[in-house]
Protein backbone atom coordinates (compact mmCIF):
# COMPACT_ATOMS: atom_id res chain seq x y z
CA MET A 1 116.16 110.12 116.55
CA LYS A 2 115.07 106.74 115.17
CA TRP A 3 114.63 106.28 111.42
CA PHE A 4 111.12 104.94 112.02
CA VAL A 5 108.52 105.50 114.73
CA ARG A 6 104.96 104.23 114.92
CA ALA A 7 103.46 107.58 113.92
CA ASP A 8 105.40 107.48 110.66
CA ILE A 9 102.71 105.08 109.43
CA ASP A 10 100.08 107.77 109.96
CA GLY A 11 102.19 110.33 108.15
CA PHE A 12 102.84 107.89 105.34
CA PHE A 13 99.12 107.36 104.67
CA GLY A 14 98.50 111.10 104.42
CA LEU A 15 101.45 111.88 102.17
CA ALA A 16 101.03 108.72 100.04
CA LEU A 17 97.36 109.55 99.44
CA ASP A 18 98.34 113.04 98.30
CA ASN A 19 100.97 111.68 95.92
CA LEU A 20 98.60 108.99 94.61
CA VAL A 21 96.08 111.64 93.68
CA GLN A 22 98.74 113.47 91.65
CA LEU A 23 99.73 110.26 89.86
CA LEU A 24 96.11 109.44 89.05
CA VAL A 25 95.65 112.93 87.64
CA ILE A 26 98.79 112.47 85.51
CA VAL A 27 97.53 109.15 84.11
CA GLY A 28 94.06 110.62 83.45
CA LEU A 29 95.22 113.80 81.76
CA CYS A 30 98.01 112.14 79.75
CA GLY A 31 95.70 109.39 78.56
CA HIS A 32 92.41 111.21 77.96
CA VAL A 33 93.48 114.80 77.21
CA LEU A 34 96.83 114.29 75.48
CA GLY A 35 96.05 110.86 74.00
CA PHE A 36 99.34 109.33 75.20
CA SER A 37 99.71 105.56 74.86
CA ASP A 38 99.96 103.27 77.88
CA ASP A 39 103.53 102.53 76.76
CA LEU A 40 104.52 106.20 77.05
CA ILE A 41 102.75 106.67 80.39
CA TYR A 42 103.82 103.48 82.13
CA ARG A 43 107.29 102.98 80.59
CA HIS A 44 108.52 106.58 80.62
CA ILE A 45 106.44 109.16 82.52
CA LEU A 46 105.61 107.21 85.72
CA PRO A 47 109.10 105.64 86.12
CA GLY A 48 110.56 109.16 85.68
CA ALA A 49 108.24 110.43 88.40
CA ALA A 50 109.39 107.56 90.58
CA VAL A 51 113.01 108.69 90.29
CA SER A 52 112.15 112.26 91.30
CA LEU A 53 109.97 111.15 94.21
CA LEU A 54 112.53 108.69 95.58
CA VAL A 55 115.42 111.16 95.32
CA GLY A 56 113.58 113.93 97.15
CA ASN A 57 111.91 111.83 99.83
CA VAL A 58 115.12 110.07 100.79
CA TYR A 59 117.01 113.36 100.92
CA TYR A 60 114.48 115.09 103.14
CA ALA A 61 114.41 112.11 105.50
CA TYR A 62 118.24 112.23 105.69
CA GLN A 63 118.04 116.00 106.27
CA ALA A 64 115.65 115.48 109.19
CA LYS A 65 118.00 112.92 110.73
CA GLN A 66 120.92 115.31 110.38
CA LEU A 67 119.00 118.17 112.04
CA ALA A 68 117.97 115.82 114.86
CA ALA A 69 121.60 114.77 115.41
CA ARG A 70 122.81 118.40 115.30
CA THR A 71 120.21 119.67 117.78
CA GLY A 72 119.95 116.60 120.05
CA ARG A 73 116.21 116.40 119.46
CA ASP A 74 114.08 113.37 118.60
CA ASP A 75 110.98 115.16 117.30
CA ILE A 76 112.15 116.48 113.90
CA CYS A 77 109.67 115.93 111.07
CA ALA A 78 111.00 115.68 107.49
CA LEU A 79 109.77 118.16 104.92
CA PRO A 80 106.93 116.60 102.88
CA TYR A 81 107.62 116.40 99.15
CA GLY A 82 105.85 115.42 95.97
CA ILE A 83 104.65 116.43 92.50
CA ASN A 84 103.59 120.07 92.09
CA THR A 85 99.83 120.15 91.38
CA VAL A 86 99.74 123.62 89.86
CA SER A 87 102.61 122.93 87.48
CA LEU A 88 101.03 119.59 86.57
CA PHE A 89 97.94 121.27 85.15
CA ALA A 90 99.93 124.14 83.59
CA HIS A 91 102.28 121.78 81.75
CA VAL A 92 99.43 119.65 80.43
CA PHE A 93 97.06 122.42 79.28
CA LEU A 94 99.43 125.28 78.51
CA VAL A 95 102.48 123.46 77.15
CA MET A 96 101.86 119.86 76.07
CA LEU A 97 98.35 120.20 74.63
CA PRO A 98 99.25 123.27 72.48
CA ALA A 99 102.43 121.49 71.36
CA LYS A 100 100.42 118.47 70.28
CA ARG A 101 97.90 120.61 68.35
CA LEU A 102 100.70 122.49 66.56
CA ALA A 103 102.32 119.17 65.66
CA GLU A 104 99.03 117.85 64.31
CA ALA A 105 98.49 121.02 62.29
CA ALA A 106 101.96 120.66 60.82
CA GLY A 107 101.26 117.07 59.86
CA LEU A 108 104.03 115.57 61.99
CA ALA A 109 104.12 111.81 62.31
CA SER A 110 104.06 111.60 66.11
CA PRO A 111 102.40 114.62 67.75
CA GLU A 112 102.23 112.78 71.09
CA THR A 113 106.03 112.54 71.12
CA VAL A 114 106.32 116.24 70.36
CA ALA A 115 103.94 117.01 73.23
CA TRP A 116 105.93 114.78 75.60
CA GLN A 117 109.21 116.44 74.60
CA ALA A 118 107.69 119.89 75.18
CA GLY A 119 106.69 118.72 78.66
CA LEU A 120 110.24 117.54 79.33
CA LEU A 121 111.50 120.99 78.31
CA ALA A 122 109.06 122.72 80.63
CA CYS A 123 110.07 120.44 83.49
CA PHE A 124 113.76 121.14 82.82
CA GLY A 125 113.18 124.89 82.83
CA SER A 126 111.28 124.70 86.10
CA GLY A 127 114.03 122.63 87.69
CA MET A 128 116.72 125.11 86.66
CA ILE A 129 114.74 128.01 88.08
CA GLU A 130 114.21 126.11 91.34
CA LEU A 131 117.91 125.22 91.60
CA CYS A 132 119.14 128.75 90.83
CA GLY A 133 116.47 130.31 93.08
CA SER A 134 117.77 128.34 96.05
CA PHE A 135 120.81 130.63 96.21
CA VAL A 136 118.80 133.84 96.71
CA ALA A 137 115.65 132.60 98.49
CA GLU A 138 117.00 132.91 102.01
CA ARG A 139 117.50 136.64 101.56
CA LEU A 140 113.86 136.99 100.49
CA ARG A 141 112.75 134.92 103.45
CA LYS A 142 114.54 137.25 105.90
CA LEU A 143 112.92 140.31 104.35
CA THR A 144 109.37 138.90 104.44
CA PRO A 145 107.21 138.91 107.60
CA ARG A 146 106.12 135.52 108.85
CA ALA A 147 102.47 136.53 108.49
CA ALA A 148 103.03 137.08 104.75
CA LEU A 149 104.63 133.66 104.25
CA LEU A 150 102.17 131.65 106.35
CA SER A 151 98.95 133.38 105.31
CA THR A 152 99.57 132.53 101.65
CA LEU A 153 99.72 128.86 102.54
CA SER A 154 96.62 129.22 104.68
CA GLY A 155 94.64 130.55 101.74
CA ILE A 156 95.62 127.52 99.69
CA ALA A 157 94.95 125.14 102.59
CA LEU A 158 91.50 126.57 103.31
CA THR A 159 90.34 126.39 99.72
CA PHE A 160 92.10 123.98 97.39
CA ILE A 161 92.64 121.43 100.22
CA SER A 162 90.07 121.86 103.00
CA LEU A 163 86.99 123.12 101.14
CA GLY A 164 87.60 120.83 98.19
CA PHE A 165 87.73 117.76 100.39
CA LEU A 166 84.92 119.06 102.63
CA PHE A 167 82.66 119.14 99.58
CA ARG A 168 83.61 115.57 98.82
CA THR A 169 83.07 114.58 102.47
CA TYR A 170 79.47 115.82 102.39
CA ALA A 171 78.90 114.36 98.94
CA HIS A 172 79.70 110.91 100.37
CA PRO A 173 78.88 111.42 104.09
CA VAL A 174 78.94 107.79 105.25
CA VAL A 175 82.56 107.42 104.23
CA GLY A 176 83.59 111.06 104.70
CA LEU A 177 82.11 111.88 108.11
CA VAL A 178 82.86 108.53 109.74
CA THR A 179 86.55 108.69 108.79
CA LEU A 180 86.64 112.37 109.77
CA GLY A 181 85.41 111.35 113.19
CA VAL A 182 88.36 108.96 113.53
CA ILE A 183 90.80 111.69 112.53
CA LEU A 184 89.27 114.21 114.96
CA LEU A 185 89.58 111.70 117.85
CA VAL A 186 93.19 110.84 117.12
CA TYR A 187 94.71 114.17 116.08
CA PHE A 188 92.56 116.87 117.67
CA GLY A 189 91.51 114.79 120.66
CA LYS A 190 95.07 113.43 121.16
CA LEU A 191 93.73 109.89 121.71
CA ARG A 192 95.06 106.57 120.40
CA PHE A 193 93.51 103.24 119.63
CA ARG A 194 94.19 100.26 121.89
CA GLY A 195 97.04 98.14 120.70
CA ASN A 196 98.78 101.26 119.33
CA ILE A 197 97.09 100.84 115.95
CA PRO A 198 97.87 104.01 113.93
CA GLY A 199 94.84 106.28 113.56
CA GLY A 200 95.60 106.93 109.90
CA LEU A 201 95.56 103.20 109.21
CA VAL A 202 92.22 102.86 111.00
CA ALA A 203 90.76 105.73 108.98
CA VAL A 204 91.93 104.38 105.62
CA VAL A 205 90.89 100.76 106.29
CA LEU A 206 87.51 101.81 107.65
CA GLY A 207 87.03 104.23 104.75
CA GLY A 208 87.92 101.48 102.26
CA VAL A 209 85.42 99.05 103.80
CA LEU A 210 82.65 101.67 103.86
CA ALA A 211 83.46 102.61 100.25
CA TRP A 212 82.91 99.00 99.13
CA LEU A 213 79.74 98.70 101.21
CA THR A 214 78.24 101.92 99.87
CA GLY A 215 79.21 101.32 96.22
CA LEU A 216 81.99 103.90 95.90
CA ALA A 217 84.39 101.06 95.22
CA PRO A 218 85.47 99.54 93.00
CA VAL A 219 86.12 102.63 90.88
CA GLY A 220 85.39 102.07 87.19
CA VAL A 221 86.24 98.94 85.24
CA PHE A 222 88.96 96.49 86.18
CA PRO A 223 92.34 97.76 84.91
CA SER A 224 93.59 96.37 81.61
CA ASN A 225 97.28 97.32 81.76
CA GLU A 226 99.76 94.61 82.63
CA LEU A 227 101.70 94.37 85.84
CA ALA A 228 105.42 94.36 84.98
CA LEU A 229 108.71 95.95 85.97
CA TYR A 230 109.20 99.26 84.18
CA VAL A 231 112.78 100.30 84.80
CA PRO A 232 113.34 104.09 84.42
CA ILE A 233 114.77 104.94 80.99
CA LEU A 234 117.06 107.91 80.42
CA ALA A 235 115.23 110.48 78.26
CA ALA A 236 118.18 112.81 77.69
CA GLY A 237 117.95 112.46 73.90
CA ASP A 238 114.32 113.59 73.80
CA LEU A 239 115.10 116.44 76.21
CA PHE A 240 117.98 117.65 74.03
CA THR A 241 115.69 117.48 70.98
CA ALA A 242 113.25 119.78 72.76
CA LEU A 243 116.04 122.11 73.90
CA ALA A 244 117.32 122.43 70.33
CA SER A 245 113.92 123.22 68.86
CA ASP A 246 112.80 126.82 68.24
CA SER A 247 109.30 126.14 69.55
CA GLY A 248 110.51 125.96 73.15
CA LEU A 249 110.64 129.74 73.39
CA ALA A 250 106.87 129.87 72.97
CA TYR A 251 106.42 128.22 76.37
CA LEU A 252 108.59 130.61 78.42
CA SER A 253 105.40 132.41 79.47
CA VAL A 254 104.43 129.25 81.32
CA ILE A 255 107.86 127.95 82.38
CA ILE A 256 109.11 131.17 84.02
CA PRO A 257 106.10 131.94 86.27
CA MET A 258 105.61 128.28 87.19
CA GLY A 259 109.27 127.99 88.21
CA LEU A 260 109.13 131.18 90.25
CA PHE A 261 105.86 130.18 91.91
CA ASN A 262 107.44 126.86 92.83
CA VAL A 263 110.40 128.59 94.48
CA ILE A 264 108.15 130.94 96.47
CA GLY A 265 105.74 128.16 97.46
CA SER A 266 108.59 125.92 98.70
CA LEU A 267 110.09 128.87 100.57
CA GLN A 268 106.79 129.44 102.36
CA ASN A 269 106.65 125.76 103.30
CA ILE A 270 110.14 125.94 104.81
CA GLU A 271 108.96 128.92 106.87
CA SER A 272 105.91 126.91 107.91
CA ALA A 273 108.18 124.10 109.12
CA GLU A 274 110.26 126.57 111.15
CA ALA A 275 107.12 127.98 112.73
CA ALA A 276 106.26 124.40 113.75
CA GLY A 277 109.67 124.03 115.39
CA ASP A 278 111.87 122.49 112.67
CA SER A 279 114.36 124.95 111.21
CA PHE A 280 115.74 123.56 107.94
CA PRO A 281 118.38 125.48 105.94
CA THR A 282 116.82 127.19 102.97
CA GLN A 283 119.48 126.76 100.26
CA PRO A 284 119.97 122.97 100.35
CA SER A 285 116.26 122.38 100.91
CA LEU A 286 115.30 124.30 97.78
CA ALA A 287 118.27 122.95 95.81
CA ALA A 288 117.20 119.36 96.51
CA ASN A 289 113.74 120.25 95.21
CA GLY A 290 115.28 121.58 91.97
CA ILE A 291 117.46 118.50 91.61
CA GLY A 292 114.39 116.29 92.03
CA THR A 293 112.65 118.14 89.20
CA LEU A 294 115.70 117.84 86.96
CA ALA A 295 115.89 114.11 87.73
CA ALA A 296 112.23 113.82 86.68
CA CYS A 297 112.77 115.30 83.22
CA LEU A 298 115.97 113.36 82.62
CA PHE A 299 114.07 110.09 83.12
CA GLY A 300 110.93 110.97 81.25
CA SER A 301 108.54 112.76 83.62
CA CYS A 302 107.17 116.12 82.54
CA PHE A 303 106.08 117.18 86.02
CA PRO A 304 108.09 119.26 88.54
CA THR A 305 108.31 118.33 92.22
CA THR A 306 107.96 120.64 95.20
CA ILE A 307 108.24 120.85 98.97
CA TYR A 308 104.69 120.17 100.00
CA ILE A 309 102.35 122.17 102.12
CA GLY A 310 101.47 120.32 105.34
CA HIS A 311 104.60 119.91 107.48
CA PRO A 312 102.83 121.15 110.70
CA GLY A 313 100.12 118.55 110.22
CA TRP A 314 102.47 115.64 109.75
CA LYS A 315 104.59 116.80 112.68
CA ALA A 316 101.48 117.03 114.85
CA MET A 317 100.73 113.40 113.88
CA GLY A 318 104.09 112.44 115.32
CA ALA A 319 105.71 111.63 111.94
CA ARG A 320 109.50 111.98 111.83
CA ALA A 321 111.86 110.85 109.05
CA GLY A 322 110.46 107.40 108.29
CA TYR A 323 107.20 108.59 106.71
CA SER A 324 109.17 110.27 103.95
CA ILE A 325 111.18 107.12 103.19
CA LEU A 326 108.05 104.96 103.22
CA ASN A 327 106.38 107.37 100.82
CA GLY A 328 109.37 107.40 98.46
CA VAL A 329 109.63 103.59 98.40
CA PHE A 330 105.88 103.08 98.03
CA MET A 331 105.56 105.62 95.19
CA THR A 332 108.51 104.00 93.43
CA VAL A 333 106.88 100.56 93.60
CA VAL A 334 103.57 102.02 92.36
CA CYS A 335 105.22 103.81 89.44
CA VAL A 336 107.52 101.07 88.19
CA THR A 337 105.15 98.12 88.44
CA GLY A 338 102.04 99.51 86.77
CA CYS A 339 99.91 98.78 89.85
CA LEU A 340 98.68 102.38 90.17
CA SER A 341 95.52 101.67 88.20
CA TYR A 342 94.74 98.61 90.38
CA ILE A 343 95.08 100.64 93.61
CA ALA A 344 92.86 103.37 92.20
CA TRP A 345 90.31 100.72 91.23
CA ALA A 346 90.20 99.17 94.71
CA VAL A 347 90.68 102.14 97.04
CA PRO A 348 88.88 105.42 96.20
CA VAL A 349 90.31 108.76 97.28
CA ASP A 350 87.36 109.11 99.67
CA ALA A 351 88.86 106.45 101.95
CA GLY A 352 91.68 108.74 103.06
CA MET A 353 90.41 112.22 102.35
CA ALA A 354 89.77 113.00 106.06
CA ILE A 355 93.55 112.96 106.64
CA VAL A 356 94.12 115.54 103.91
CA LEU A 357 91.25 117.66 105.22
CA TRP A 358 92.86 117.67 108.66
CA ILE A 359 96.21 118.72 107.17
CA GLY A 360 94.53 121.71 105.54
CA ILE A 361 92.90 122.76 108.83
CA VAL A 362 96.20 122.61 110.72
CA ILE A 363 98.00 124.72 108.11
CA ALA A 364 95.26 127.37 108.11
CA ALA A 365 95.35 127.55 111.91
CA GLN A 366 99.13 127.89 112.01
CA ALA A 367 99.10 131.31 110.30
CA PHE A 368 97.16 132.74 113.28
CA GLN A 369 98.93 130.72 115.98
CA GLU A 370 102.52 131.50 114.94
CA THR A 371 102.25 135.22 114.23
CA PRO A 372 101.78 138.19 116.63
CA ARG A 373 98.15 138.86 117.50
CA SER A 374 98.43 142.37 116.12
CA HIS A 375 99.29 140.93 112.70
CA ALA A 376 96.01 139.01 112.45
CA PRO A 377 94.59 141.51 109.90
CA ALA A 378 97.65 140.93 107.74
CA VAL A 379 97.03 137.18 107.89
CA VAL A 380 93.44 137.71 106.69
CA MET A 381 94.69 139.98 103.91
CA GLY A 382 97.05 137.22 102.81
CA LEU A 383 94.22 134.69 102.77
CA LEU A 384 92.08 136.61 100.32
CA PRO A 385 94.02 136.15 97.02
CA GLY A 386 94.12 132.38 97.55
CA ILE A 387 90.40 132.32 98.23
CA ALA A 388 89.86 134.45 95.10
CA ALA A 389 91.98 132.10 93.01
CA TRP A 390 89.92 129.15 94.23
CA GLY A 391 86.72 131.05 93.50
CA ALA A 392 87.94 131.73 89.95
CA PHE A 393 88.80 128.04 89.57
CA MET A 394 85.32 127.03 90.73
CA ALA A 395 83.64 129.57 88.43
CA LYS A 396 85.62 128.34 85.41
CA SER A 397 84.90 124.72 86.27
CA GLY A 398 81.21 125.60 86.38
CA VAL A 399 81.37 127.28 82.96
CA ARG A 400 83.11 124.23 81.47
CA ALA A 401 80.52 121.93 83.02
CA VAL A 402 77.55 123.92 81.70
CA ASP A 403 78.46 125.09 78.23
CA GLY A 404 81.75 123.44 77.41
CA GLY A 405 83.84 126.48 78.27
CA ALA A 406 83.14 129.57 76.15
CA PHE A 407 86.08 131.60 77.46
CA THR A 408 85.90 135.03 75.81
CA ASP A 409 85.28 138.64 76.86
CA ALA A 410 81.55 137.86 76.67
CA LEU A 411 82.00 135.64 79.76
CA VAL A 412 82.95 138.70 81.87
CA GLY A 413 79.76 140.49 80.82
CA ARG A 414 77.58 137.52 81.72
CA PHE A 415 79.02 137.41 85.24
CA GLN A 416 78.71 141.20 85.67
CA GLN A 417 75.00 140.96 84.93
CA ALA A 418 74.84 138.92 88.17
CA ASP A 419 76.98 141.56 89.94
CA ILE A 420 79.99 139.18 90.02
CA TRP A 421 83.17 140.97 89.00
CA ILE A 422 84.82 137.85 87.66
CA ASN A 423 87.51 139.82 85.80
CA GLY A 424 88.83 140.89 89.20
CA ALA A 425 88.95 137.25 90.30
CA PHE A 426 90.75 136.25 87.09
CA ALA A 427 93.28 139.06 87.63
CA LEU A 428 93.85 138.01 91.26
CA GLU A 429 94.23 134.38 90.24
CA GLN A 430 97.29 135.05 88.11
CA GLY A 431 100.31 135.11 90.38
CA PHE A 432 98.17 134.97 93.51
CA ILE A 433 101.04 133.56 95.57
CA PHE A 434 103.02 136.76 94.94
CA THR A 435 99.97 138.97 95.48
CA ALA A 436 99.05 137.33 98.78
CA MET A 437 102.53 137.60 100.16
CA ILE A 438 102.90 141.26 99.16
CA LEU A 439 99.50 142.39 100.43
CA SER A 440 100.10 140.69 103.78
CA ALA A 441 103.65 142.07 104.06
CA LEU A 442 102.63 145.64 103.36
CA THR A 443 99.78 145.30 105.84
CA VAL A 444 102.27 144.22 108.51
CA ALA A 445 104.43 147.23 107.61
CA VAL A 446 101.44 149.58 108.01
CA ILE A 447 100.49 148.00 111.33
CA GLU A 448 104.07 148.56 112.55
CA ARG A 449 104.04 152.15 111.14
CA GLN A 450 106.90 151.31 108.77
CA PHE A 451 105.53 153.30 105.85
CA VAL A 452 108.66 153.31 103.73
CA LYS A 453 108.74 149.50 103.89
CA ALA A 454 105.04 149.40 102.96
CA ALA A 455 105.81 151.59 99.96
CA LEU A 456 108.65 149.31 98.92
CA TRP A 457 106.35 146.29 98.99
CA SER A 458 103.86 148.24 96.86
CA GLY A 459 106.71 149.03 94.47
CA ALA A 460 107.56 145.33 94.25
CA ALA A 461 103.95 144.57 93.34
CA SER A 462 104.03 147.36 90.70
CA ALA A 463 107.20 145.88 89.20
CA LEU A 464 105.73 142.36 89.07
CA ALA A 465 102.57 143.70 87.41
CA ALA A 466 104.63 145.67 84.89
CA GLY A 467 106.59 142.51 84.17
CA GLY A 468 103.39 140.55 83.60
CA LEU A 469 103.99 138.12 86.48
CA ILE A 470 100.80 139.03 88.31
CA HIS A 471 97.30 140.05 87.18
CA SER A 472 98.02 139.71 83.46
CA TYR A 473 95.79 137.07 81.90
CA ARG A 474 94.71 135.87 78.47
CA TRP A 475 91.91 133.66 77.19
CA THR A 476 92.68 130.12 76.12
CA ALA A 477 90.31 127.61 74.55
CA SER A 478 88.91 126.52 77.91
CA ASP A 479 90.61 128.58 80.63
CA THR A 480 92.51 131.70 81.53
CA ALA A 481 96.31 131.77 81.70
CA LEU A 482 99.09 134.17 82.66
CA SER A 483 100.01 136.15 79.57
CA LEU A 484 103.38 137.64 80.69
CA THR A 485 102.39 140.99 79.20
CA PRO A 486 102.49 144.19 81.28
CA ALA A 487 99.42 144.72 83.45
CA TRP A 488 99.78 148.52 83.39
CA GLU A 489 96.57 149.36 85.18
CA TRP A 490 97.57 147.32 88.22
CA ALA A 491 101.18 148.51 88.00
CA LEU A 492 99.99 152.14 88.20
CA ALA A 493 97.57 151.31 91.01
CA TYR A 494 100.31 149.72 93.16
CA ALA A 495 102.66 152.66 92.46
CA LEU A 496 100.00 155.15 93.59
CA MET A 497 99.31 152.95 96.62
CA GLY A 498 103.00 153.28 97.52
CA LEU A 499 102.75 157.07 97.30
CA VAL A 500 99.81 156.93 99.73
CA PHE A 501 102.00 155.10 102.23
CA LEU A 502 104.91 157.52 101.74
CA SER A 503 102.64 160.52 102.32
CA ALA A 504 101.31 159.14 105.60
CA LYS A 505 104.15 160.68 107.60
CA TRP A 506 103.07 164.19 106.62
CA LEU A 507 99.32 163.83 105.99
CA CYS A 508 98.24 161.53 108.83
CA VAL A 509 98.32 161.62 112.63
CA ASP A 510 97.92 158.95 115.28
CA ALA A 511 94.17 158.37 115.66
CA ALA A 512 94.65 157.48 119.34
CA LYS A 513 96.19 160.90 120.02
CA GLY A 514 93.66 162.94 118.06
CA SER A 515 94.47 165.84 115.69
């Protein structure tokens, strides 16, 4: 298999756009929410992110080449990789912002530095969990039905990716629908442009031109930061300072679940790649992800990396190993030169959002295409928690937009007056990756009449609820967050559910055979 093929350019545009969005979010949240200086963002955080992105992208490209050589195939697509979106928000709002406020309350001289160090600690903890989890994840993968692994991704793809970008498409239809038409022709219609011009390139260039013509670009004011070379700086001293502080224990309620969710999410993406035809070994794939996260914190980034959702989409584009290398190199240049703000000013996200929308559609479809037809109800069951989590996210965003975010018990009552049981959505949101996988797995077990296995999955859910890893939430100033306290009501409910499954052998008969 060649290192680069023409379709790698298409894959690069899709993955680079996704990574650019994460970087823009980092700059925005670090600057406007945390009050970090440009020096801290551009000299430490972004170069640290560059190290992690380059390490992972190069490794996964090499891994794809090795698999191609071992199998004699030329159609292997590298695992996509980038910054973990969920952990990004969790580290900013649940670790770094509280750390800054505590430092300000204590009258410390540099609360921004304290917040940054707390973020490094959270990133380090996540990386260690990812690395250690790589040694046991394959066993979990073998025990879990494919429907359970793929349906969880489909729920995320349908909502946080597809619906989110579909809203944006119809908010700016001239750019959104025209570029979507290009993507549908090339990837669903299996057509190509004359001259072998990559369809992704056509979509992004056309989207960029339309964005300028319709006033979507340029975005904001012309950037003020200087273009320069920001070489990554080792941040081991700041990391050790955070490790030695007593305050780090306060953030375990964020670090532990985020690390575990990252392991499970990456595991599901490896299964998705295998369903698409590329069987990568679990342990080294997850270990490389953990090493990428550890490299991030050692060089100043507070944000873990992950194996991305979307491999089937990039493979369907024809991307192989080269798109991953192109992405790693491009992201490195963007992060170490300070040109990110200039790109964001000139090329709005809308120019390439049709590619990301298509990726979400392909992932959602895969859950039904690559599982037995009889397991379709289990796939739907696995979709629901992700949809619920997105619904909770939308509801909370609406509350913040309307009244600034009054997140108290009174909020639940206000929703219930409209017959919306938002407390159920908030409970489902916490640990929804675990919940989706378990509900789908136990549904598969029931379909296959494996009632003991269904009861065991219910027991696993009960244990997770008792440990506070699912359904347990607390109010924050402007959100809800996992509280890591026992969710006894749900633990009891899952345990009783397991008893229902165990009793089926004696209390139920085959409906097709009658009584």
